[in-house]
């Protein structure tokens, strides 16, 4: 993982993460499966110019999906919840 843009795949924009973000100053991201907490912290700090206090990660197993008579499994995903320092925030939608 040499490139920081490959660590963070996309932000989590859900109702749950927006409520958590307002209450505890945490933001959620979908990250690469091979990324560790230090790489996630460095990527968020450099890409968004904020100070990261804590990173929590979880790996979600793939789901079983049916396609006719066949059963397939979707791929695993990894979520990271990043807590920022007091008074800092990330704007995902600028100018909206």
N, C-alpha and C. Protein backbone atom coordinates (compact mmCIF):
# COMPACT_ATOMS: atom_id res chain seq x y z
N UNK A 1 0.83 -1.18 0.00
CA UNK A 1 0.00 0.00 0.00
C UNK A 1 0.88 1.25 0.00
N UNK A 2 1.42 1.58 -1.08
CA UNK A 2 2.27 2.76 -1.15
C UNK A 2 1.45 4.02 -1.45
N UNK A 3 0.34 3.89 -2.15
CA UNK A 3 -0.44 5.05 -2.57
C UNK A 3 -1.58 5.27 -1.58
N UNK A 4 -1.67 6.50 -1.06
CA UNK A 4 -2.68 6.81 -0.06
C UNK A 4 -4.09 6.80 -0.62
N UNK A 5 -4.25 7.12 -1.91
CA UNK A 5 -5.57 7.14 -2.52
C UNK A 5 -6.17 5.74 -2.63
N UNK A 6 -5.33 4.70 -2.61
CA UNK A 6 -5.83 3.34 -2.69
C UNK A 6 -6.32 2.83 -1.34
N UNK A 7 -5.89 3.44 -0.25
CA UNK A 7 -6.31 2.99 1.08
C UNK A 7 -7.78 3.31 1.30
N UNK A 8 -8.17 4.55 1.08
CA UNK A 8 -9.57 4.96 1.25
C UNK A 8 -10.30 4.79 -0.07
N UNK A 9 -11.31 3.92 -0.09
CA UNK A 9 -12.05 3.70 -1.33
C UNK A 9 -13.20 4.68 -1.47
N UNK A 10 -14.02 4.86 -0.42
CA UNK A 10 -15.11 5.83 -0.47
C UNK A 10 -15.61 6.10 0.94
N UNK A 11 -16.19 7.26 1.17
CA UNK A 11 -16.75 7.54 2.50
C UNK A 11 -18.08 6.83 2.69
N UNK A 12 -18.39 6.52 3.94
CA UNK A 12 -19.68 5.93 4.28
C UNK A 12 -20.66 7.07 4.53
N UNK A 13 -21.62 7.22 3.66
CA UNK A 13 -22.64 8.26 3.79
C UNK A 13 -23.96 7.56 4.07
N UNK A 14 -24.23 7.27 5.34
CA UNK A 14 -25.48 6.65 5.74
C UNK A 14 -26.09 7.44 6.87
N UNK A 15 -27.31 7.12 7.21
CA UNK A 15 -27.98 7.80 8.31
C UNK A 15 -27.27 7.51 9.63
N UNK A 16 -26.85 6.29 9.82
CA UNK A 16 -26.16 5.89 11.05
C UNK A 16 -24.84 6.64 11.22
N UNK A 17 -24.04 6.72 10.16
CA UNK A 17 -22.75 7.40 10.28
C UNK A 17 -22.92 8.90 10.44
N UNK A 18 -23.99 9.48 9.88
CA UNK A 18 -24.20 10.91 10.06
C UNK A 18 -24.59 11.23 11.50
N UNK A 19 -25.39 10.37 12.12
CA UNK A 19 -25.76 10.58 13.52
C UNK A 19 -24.54 10.40 14.42
N UNK A 20 -23.73 9.38 14.16
CA UNK A 20 -22.51 9.16 14.95
C UNK A 20 -21.53 10.32 14.73
N UNK A 21 -21.43 10.80 13.50
CA UNK A 21 -20.52 11.90 13.20
C UNK A 21 -20.86 13.17 13.94
N UNK A 22 -22.15 13.48 14.07
CA UNK A 22 -22.56 14.67 14.78
C UNK A 22 -22.34 14.53 16.29
N UNK A 23 -22.56 13.34 16.84
CA UNK A 23 -22.48 13.16 18.28
C UNK A 23 -21.04 13.00 18.78
N UNK A 24 -20.23 12.21 18.09
CA UNK A 24 -18.90 11.86 18.62
C UNK A 24 -17.75 12.29 17.72
N UNK A 25 -18.03 13.02 16.64
CA UNK A 25 -17.00 13.49 15.71
C UNK A 25 -16.24 12.33 15.06
N UNK A 26 -17.00 11.29 14.65
CA UNK A 26 -16.44 10.14 13.95
C UNK A 26 -16.97 10.12 12.52
N UNK A 27 -16.14 9.64 11.62
CA UNK A 27 -16.51 9.53 10.22
C UNK A 27 -16.17 8.13 9.73
N UNK A 28 -17.00 7.59 8.85
CA UNK A 28 -16.82 6.24 8.35
C UNK A 28 -16.31 6.21 6.92
N UNK A 29 -15.49 5.22 6.63
CA UNK A 29 -14.92 5.03 5.30
C UNK A 29 -14.92 3.55 4.96
N UNK A 30 -15.09 3.23 3.67
CA UNK A 30 -14.82 1.90 3.15
C UNK A 30 -13.35 1.91 2.74
N UNK A 31 -12.58 0.97 3.27
CA UNK A 31 -11.13 0.96 3.02
C UNK A 31 -10.73 -0.37 2.39
N UNK A 32 -9.49 -0.43 1.94
CA UNK A 32 -8.95 -1.64 1.35
C UNK A 32 -8.80 -2.71 2.43
N UNK A 33 -9.02 -3.97 2.07
CA UNK A 33 -8.94 -5.07 3.03
C UNK A 33 -7.55 -5.21 3.64
N UNK A 34 -6.52 -4.87 2.90
CA UNK A 34 -5.15 -5.05 3.39
C UNK A 34 -4.63 -3.86 4.17
N UNK A 35 -5.40 -2.79 4.26
CA UNK A 35 -4.93 -1.58 4.95
C UNK A 35 -5.02 -1.76 6.46
N UNK A 36 -3.97 -1.31 7.17
CA UNK A 36 -4.01 -1.37 8.62
C UNK A 36 -4.36 0.00 9.18
N UNK A 37 -4.45 0.09 10.51
CA UNK A 37 -4.92 1.33 11.14
C UNK A 37 -3.95 2.50 10.92
N UNK A 38 -2.66 2.24 10.92
CA UNK A 38 -1.69 3.31 10.70
C UNK A 38 -1.80 3.88 9.29
N UNK A 39 -1.99 3.02 8.29
CA UNK A 39 -2.15 3.49 6.92
C UNK A 39 -3.44 4.29 6.75
N UNK A 40 -4.51 3.86 7.41
CA UNK A 40 -5.78 4.58 7.34
C UNK A 40 -5.64 5.95 7.99
N UNK A 41 -4.98 6.01 9.13
CA UNK A 41 -4.77 7.28 9.83
C UNK A 41 -3.95 8.24 8.98
N UNK A 42 -2.86 7.77 8.39
CA UNK A 42 -2.02 8.62 7.55
C UNK A 42 -2.78 9.11 6.32
N UNK A 43 -3.60 8.25 5.71
CA UNK A 43 -4.35 8.63 4.52
C UNK A 43 -5.38 9.71 4.84
N UNK A 44 -6.11 9.57 5.94
CA UNK A 44 -7.12 10.57 6.30
C UNK A 44 -6.46 11.89 6.66
N UNK A 45 -5.35 11.84 7.40
CA UNK A 45 -4.68 13.07 7.81
C UNK A 45 -4.12 13.83 6.62
N UNK A 46 -3.55 13.14 5.63
CA UNK A 46 -2.96 13.84 4.50
C UNK A 46 -4.00 14.28 3.47
N UNK A 47 -5.03 13.47 3.24
CA UNK A 47 -6.01 13.82 2.22
C UNK A 47 -7.01 14.88 2.68
N UNK A 48 -7.35 14.90 3.97
CA UNK A 48 -8.36 15.83 4.46
C UNK A 48 -7.79 16.92 5.38
N UNK A 49 -6.49 16.90 5.67
CA UNK A 49 -5.83 17.90 6.52
C UNK A 49 -6.49 18.04 7.88
N UNK A 50 -6.64 16.91 8.58
CA UNK A 50 -7.23 16.89 9.92
C UNK A 50 -6.33 16.07 10.84
N UNK A 51 -6.57 16.14 12.14
CA UNK A 51 -5.83 15.37 13.13
C UNK A 51 -6.70 14.20 13.58
N UNK A 52 -6.21 12.97 13.40
CA UNK A 52 -6.95 11.76 13.74
C UNK A 52 -6.53 11.30 15.13
N UNK A 53 -7.53 11.05 16.00
CA UNK A 53 -7.25 10.57 17.34
C UNK A 53 -7.33 9.05 17.44
N UNK A 54 -8.32 8.45 16.77
CA UNK A 54 -8.57 7.02 16.94
C UNK A 54 -9.11 6.43 15.65
N UNK A 55 -8.75 5.17 15.38
CA UNK A 55 -9.27 4.45 14.21
C UNK A 55 -9.78 3.09 14.68
N UNK A 56 -11.02 2.79 14.34
CA UNK A 56 -11.61 1.48 14.62
C UNK A 56 -12.00 0.85 13.30
N UNK A 57 -11.68 -0.44 13.13
CA UNK A 57 -11.96 -1.12 11.88
C UNK A 57 -12.82 -2.35 12.12
N UNK A 58 -13.54 -2.76 11.09
CA UNK A 58 -14.31 -4.00 11.13
C UNK A 58 -14.38 -4.56 9.72
N UNK A 59 -14.31 -5.87 9.62
CA UNK A 59 -14.40 -6.56 8.34
C UNK A 59 -15.77 -7.22 8.26
N UNK A 60 -16.52 -6.87 7.21
CA UNK A 60 -17.84 -7.43 7.00
C UNK A 60 -17.75 -8.61 6.06
N UNK A 61 -18.29 -9.77 6.44
CA UNK A 61 -18.24 -10.92 5.53
C UNK A 61 -19.17 -10.71 4.35
N UNK A 62 -18.89 -11.41 3.28
CA UNK A 62 -19.73 -11.31 2.09
C UNK A 62 -21.10 -11.96 2.32
N UNK A 63 -22.09 -11.52 1.57
CA UNK A 63 -23.44 -12.06 1.69
C UNK A 63 -23.68 -13.11 0.62
N UNK A 64 -24.59 -14.04 0.91
CA UNK A 64 -25.01 -15.02 -0.09
C UNK A 64 -26.11 -14.40 -0.95
N UNK A 65 -25.93 -14.46 -2.25
CA UNK A 65 -26.90 -13.93 -3.20
C UNK A 65 -27.32 -15.05 -4.14
N UNK A 66 -28.59 -15.07 -4.49
CA UNK A 66 -29.09 -16.07 -5.42
C UNK A 66 -29.20 -15.47 -6.80
N UNK A 67 -28.77 -16.22 -7.79
CA UNK A 67 -28.93 -15.86 -9.19
C UNK A 67 -29.55 -17.07 -9.88
N UNK A 68 -30.86 -17.13 -9.87
CA UNK A 68 -31.54 -18.30 -10.40
C UNK A 68 -31.35 -19.48 -9.47
N UNK A 69 -30.80 -20.55 -9.96
CA UNK A 69 -30.58 -21.72 -9.11
C UNK A 69 -29.19 -21.72 -8.48
N UNK A 70 -28.37 -20.74 -8.82
CA UNK A 70 -27.02 -20.68 -8.31
C UNK A 70 -26.93 -19.74 -7.11
N UNK A 71 -26.06 -20.06 -6.19
CA UNK A 71 -25.84 -19.23 -5.02
C UNK A 71 -24.41 -18.70 -5.10
N UNK A 72 -24.26 -17.39 -5.00
CA UNK A 72 -22.95 -16.77 -5.07
C UNK A 72 -22.70 -15.97 -3.80
N UNK A 73 -21.45 -15.71 -3.50
CA UNK A 73 -21.10 -14.92 -2.33
C UNK A 73 -20.45 -13.62 -2.80
N UNK A 74 -20.92 -12.48 -2.23
CA UNK A 74 -20.30 -11.21 -2.54
C UNK A 74 -18.97 -11.10 -1.79
N UNK A 75 -18.13 -10.18 -2.19
CA UNK A 75 -16.82 -10.06 -1.58
C UNK A 75 -16.89 -9.37 -0.22
N UNK A 76 -15.87 -9.59 0.59
CA UNK A 76 -15.77 -8.96 1.91
C UNK A 76 -15.46 -7.48 1.75
N UNK A 77 -15.87 -6.69 2.73
CA UNK A 77 -15.53 -5.28 2.76
C UNK A 77 -15.01 -4.93 4.14
N UNK A 78 -14.24 -3.87 4.20
CA UNK A 78 -13.67 -3.41 5.46
C UNK A 78 -14.10 -1.97 5.70
N UNK A 79 -14.64 -1.71 6.90
CA UNK A 79 -15.05 -0.37 7.28
C UNK A 79 -14.06 0.18 8.29
N UNK A 80 -13.86 1.48 8.26
CA UNK A 80 -13.02 2.16 9.25
C UNK A 80 -13.78 3.36 9.78
N UNK A 81 -13.86 3.46 11.10
CA UNK A 81 -14.46 4.63 11.74
C UNK A 81 -13.32 5.44 12.35
N UNK A 82 -13.22 6.69 11.93
CA UNK A 82 -12.10 7.56 12.29
C UNK A 82 -12.63 8.67 13.19
N UNK A 83 -12.01 8.82 14.37
CA UNK A 83 -12.39 9.90 15.27
C UNK A 83 -11.41 11.05 15.12
N UNK A 84 -11.95 12.24 14.91
CA UNK A 84 -11.12 13.43 14.71
C UNK A 84 -10.96 14.20 15.99
N UNK A 85 -9.97 15.09 16.01
CA UNK A 85 -9.74 15.95 17.16
C UNK A 85 -10.90 16.93 17.33
N UNK A 86 -11.02 17.49 18.51
CA UNK A 86 -12.11 18.41 18.81
C UNK A 86 -12.04 19.65 17.93
N UNK A 87 -13.17 20.04 17.36
CA UNK A 87 -13.24 21.23 16.54
C UNK A 87 -12.91 21.02 15.07
N UNK A 88 -12.56 19.80 14.66
CA UNK A 88 -12.25 19.54 13.26
C UNK A 88 -13.37 18.71 12.64
N UNK A 89 -13.58 18.88 11.34
CA UNK A 89 -14.60 18.11 10.64
C UNK A 89 -14.22 17.95 9.18
N UNK A 90 -14.86 16.97 8.55
CA UNK A 90 -14.63 16.68 7.14
C UNK A 90 -15.90 17.04 6.38
N UNK A 91 -15.75 17.80 5.32
CA UNK A 91 -16.88 18.16 4.46
C UNK A 91 -16.87 17.26 3.23
N UNK A 92 -17.83 16.33 3.17
CA UNK A 92 -17.93 15.46 2.00
C UNK A 92 -18.66 16.15 0.86
N UNK A 93 -19.65 16.98 1.20
CA UNK A 93 -20.42 17.68 0.18
C UNK A 93 -20.14 19.17 0.30
N UNK A 94 -19.20 19.66 -0.45
CA UNK A 94 -18.88 21.09 -0.42
C UNK A 94 -19.74 21.82 -1.42
N UNK A 95 -20.40 22.89 -0.98
CA UNK A 95 -21.19 23.71 -1.86
C UNK A 95 -22.57 23.17 -2.16
N UNK A 96 -23.03 22.18 -1.42
CA UNK A 96 -24.36 21.61 -1.66
C UNK A 96 -25.31 22.12 -0.60
